[in-house]
């Protein structure tokens, strides 16, 4: 994964949906966005290993959604790549209470 150096990105951490009696952890930082007013982010990487396998993911977040008390959030609703004959759902919210939209 290669991301530029920038001021606007988000830290994320979640657990995948359960499939074949196991889950994986996902954590990291989103790739940067050049536009704070209307923007999305890319999450790219590899889940933690479980039962001698891991899954890759490359996911684009929803556009930024303003929060009532300031800041914004993004939704993630996707899945990992298929490995060992299965995929995992990846669904969570990234919240940024500090960065207001234009």
C-alpha atoms as a PDB file:
ATOM      1  CA  UNK A   1       0.000   0.000   0.000  1.00  0.00           C
ATOM      2  CA  UNK A   2       1.323   3.426  -0.913  1.00  0.00           C
ATOM      3  CA  UNK A   3      -0.314   6.591   0.348  1.00  0.00           C
ATOM      4  CA  UNK A   4       0.823  10.139  -0.064  1.00  0.00           C
ATOM      5  CA  UNK A   5       1.676  12.343   2.883  1.00  0.00           C
ATOM      6  CA  UNK A   6      -1.269  14.589   3.598  1.00  0.00           C
ATOM      7  CA  UNK A   7      -3.269  16.169   6.370  1.00  0.00           C
ATOM      8  CA  UNK A   8      -6.612  14.452   5.864  1.00  0.00           C
ATOM      9  CA  UNK A   9      -6.842  10.750   6.516  1.00  0.00           C
ATOM     10  CA  UNK A  10      -8.517   8.537   9.098  1.00  0.00           C
ATOM     11  CA  UNK A  11      -7.437   5.756  11.430  1.00  0.00           C
ATOM     12  CA  UNK A  12      -9.697   2.704  11.304  1.00  0.00           C
ATOM     13  CA  UNK A  13     -10.090  -0.591  13.130  1.00  0.00           C
ATOM     14  CA  UNK A  14     -12.777  -3.243  12.792  1.00  0.00           C
ATOM     15  CA  UNK A  15     -13.488  -6.943  12.670  1.00  0.00           C
ATOM     16  CA  UNK A  16     -14.793  -8.608   9.523  1.00  0.00           C
ATOM     17  CA  UNK A  17     -18.097 -10.423   9.403  1.00  0.00           C
ATOM     18  CA  UNK A  18     -18.017 -14.062  10.437  1.00  0.00           C
ATOM     19  CA  UNK A  19     -17.652 -16.697   7.719  1.00  0.00           C
ATOM     20  CA  UNK A  20     -16.816 -20.376   8.174  1.00  0.00           C
ATOM     21  CA  UNK A  21     -16.712 -19.858  11.954  1.00  0.00           C
ATOM     22  CA  UNK A  22     -14.016 -17.163  12.003  1.00  0.00           C
ATOM     23  CA  UNK A  23     -13.370 -13.428  11.589  1.00  0.00           C
ATOM     24  CA  UNK A  24     -10.324 -11.260  10.838  1.00  0.00           C
ATOM     25  CA  UNK A  25      -9.145  -7.924  12.208  1.00  0.00           C
ATOM     26  CA  UNK A  26      -8.616  -4.947   9.914  1.00  0.00           C
ATOM     27  CA  UNK A  27      -6.786  -1.807  11.011  1.00  0.00           C
ATOM     28  CA  UNK A  28      -4.763   0.987   9.528  1.00  0.00           C
ATOM     29  CA  UNK A  29      -5.074   4.434   7.994  1.00  0.00           C
ATOM     30  CA  UNK A  30      -7.085   5.478   4.981  1.00  0.00           C
ATOM     31  CA  UNK A  31      -5.292   6.833   1.958  1.00  0.00           C
ATOM     32  CA  UNK A  32      -5.420  10.596   1.702  1.00  0.00           C
ATOM     33  CA  UNK A  33      -8.043  12.761   0.129  1.00  0.00           C
ATOM     34  CA  UNK A  34      -7.173  15.928  -1.767  1.00  0.00           C
ATOM     35  CA  UNK A  35     -10.614  17.453  -1.286  1.00  0.00           C
ATOM     36  CA  UNK A  36     -12.092  17.924   2.191  1.00  0.00           C
ATOM     37  CA  UNK A  37     -15.438  19.333   0.978  1.00  0.00           C
ATOM     38  CA  UNK A  38     -16.558  16.246  -0.969  1.00  0.00           C
ATOM     39  CA  UNK A  39     -14.334  13.254  -0.651  1.00  0.00           C
ATOM     40  CA  UNK A  40     -13.940   9.533  -0.218  1.00  0.00           C
ATOM     41  CA  UNK A  41     -10.975   7.490   1.005  1.00  0.00           C
ATOM     42  CA  UNK A  42      -9.387   4.204  -0.035  1.00  0.00           C
ATOM     43  CA  UNK A  43      -8.640   1.456   2.491  1.00  0.00           C
ATOM     44  CA  UNK A  44      -6.125  -1.051   1.208  1.00  0.00           C
ATOM     45  CA  UNK A  45      -4.249  -3.844   2.924  1.00  0.00           C
ATOM     46  CA  UNK A  46      -4.395  -7.325   4.371  1.00  0.00           C
ATOM     47  CA  UNK A  47      -6.460  -8.664   7.283  1.00  0.00           C
ATOM     48  CA  UNK A  48      -4.868 -10.424  10.215  1.00  0.00           C
ATOM     49  CA  UNK A  49      -4.065 -14.082   9.625  1.00  0.00           C
ATOM     50  CA  UNK A  50      -6.459 -16.740  10.906  1.00  0.00           C
ATOM     51  CA  UNK A  51      -6.216 -20.494  10.365  1.00  0.00           C
ATOM     52  CA  UNK A  52      -3.137 -19.990   8.167  1.00  0.00           C
ATOM     53  CA  UNK A  53      -4.823 -17.611   5.753  1.00  0.00           C
ATOM     54  CA  UNK A  54      -5.536 -13.907   5.365  1.00  0.00           C
ATOM     55  CA  UNK A  55      -7.623 -11.783   3.011  1.00  0.00           C
ATOM     56  CA  UNK A  56      -6.727  -8.662   1.060  1.00  0.00           C
ATOM     57  CA  UNK A  57      -9.056  -5.688   0.772  1.00  0.00           C
ATOM     58  CA  UNK A  58      -9.218  -2.578  -1.383  1.00  0.00           C
ATOM     59  CA  UNK A  59     -12.304  -0.573  -0.456  1.00  0.00           C
ATOM     60  CA  UNK A  60     -13.566   2.939  -1.195  1.00  0.00           C
ATOM     61  CA  UNK A  61     -15.519   4.652   1.604  1.00  0.00           C
ATOM     62  CA  UNK A  62     -18.785   6.486   1.128  1.00  0.00           C
ATOM     63  CA  UNK A  63     -18.564  10.222   0.460  1.00  0.00           C
ATOM     64  CA  UNK A  64     -18.114  12.337   3.597  1.00  0.00           C
ATOM     65  CA  UNK A  65     -21.331  12.830   5.593  1.00  0.00           C
ATOM     66  CA  UNK A  66     -21.554  15.928   7.857  1.00  0.00           C
ATOM     67  CA  UNK A  67     -22.192  15.224  11.553  1.00  0.00           C
ATOM     68  CA  UNK A  68     -24.761  17.350  13.460  1.00  0.00           C
ATOM     69  CA  UNK A  69     -22.218  18.526  16.059  1.00  0.00           C
ATOM     70  CA  UNK A  70     -19.389  19.149  13.570  1.00  0.00           C
ATOM     71  CA  UNK A  71     -16.961  16.878  11.818  1.00  0.00           C
ATOM     72  CA  UNK A  72     -17.936  14.138   9.387  1.00  0.00           C
ATOM     73  CA  UNK A  73     -18.082  10.383   8.913  1.00  0.00           C
ATOM     74  CA  UNK A  74     -17.712   7.789   6.172  1.00  0.00           C
ATOM     75  CA  UNK A  75     -19.415   4.425   5.807  1.00  0.00           C
ATOM     76  CA  UNK A  76     -17.661   1.279   4.640  1.00  0.00           C
ATOM     77  CA  UNK A  77     -19.752  -1.530   3.156  1.00  0.00           C
ATOM     78  CA  UNK A  78     -17.811  -4.055   1.092  1.00  0.00           C
ATOM     79  CA  UNK A  79     -16.048  -7.403   1.354  1.00  0.00           C
ATOM     80  CA  UNK A  80     -12.582  -8.916   1.336  1.00  0.00           C
ATOM     81  CA  UNK A  81     -11.150 -10.805  -1.608  1.00  0.00           C
ATOM     82  CA  UNK A  82     -12.022 -14.484  -2.008  1.00  0.00           C
ATOM     83  CA  UNK A  83      -9.460 -16.771  -0.414  1.00  0.00           C
ATOM     84  CA  UNK A  84      -9.863 -20.407   0.590  1.00  0.00           C
ATOM     85  CA  UNK A  85     -13.246 -20.306  -1.133  1.00  0.00           C
ATOM     86  CA  UNK A  86     -14.835 -17.581   0.985  1.00  0.00           C
ATOM     87  CA  UNK A  87     -15.061 -13.817   1.551  1.00  0.00           C
ATOM     88  CA  UNK A  88     -15.814 -11.709   4.637  1.00  0.00           C
ATOM     89  CA  UNK A  89     -18.141  -8.717   4.882  1.00  0.00           C
ATOM     90  CA  UNK A  90     -16.486  -5.458   5.891  1.00  0.00           C
ATOM     91  CA  UNK A  91     -19.032  -2.977   7.290  1.00  0.00           C
ATOM     92  CA  UNK A  92     -18.261  -0.151   9.710  1.00  0.00           C
ATOM     93  CA  UNK A  93     -18.232   3.628  10.199  1.00  0.00           C
ATOM     94  CA  UNK A  94     -15.242   5.958  10.325  1.00  0.00           C
ATOM     95  CA  UNK A  95     -15.913   9.108  12.351  1.00  0.00           C
ATOM     96  CA  UNK A  96     -13.909  12.350  12.377  1.00  0.00           C
ATOM     97  CA  UNK A  97     -15.265  14.827  14.938  1.00  0.00           C
ATOM     98  CA  UNK A  98     -12.515  17.367  14.218  1.00  0.00           C
ATOM     99  CA  UNK A  99     -12.558  18.021  10.460  1.00  0.00           C
ATOM    100  CA  UNK A 100     -15.595  20.016   9.280  1.00  0.00           C
ATOM    101  CA  UNK A 101     -16.635  19.921   5.653  1.00  0.00           C
ATOM    102  CA  UNK A 102     -16.736  23.087   3.539  1.00  0.00           C
END
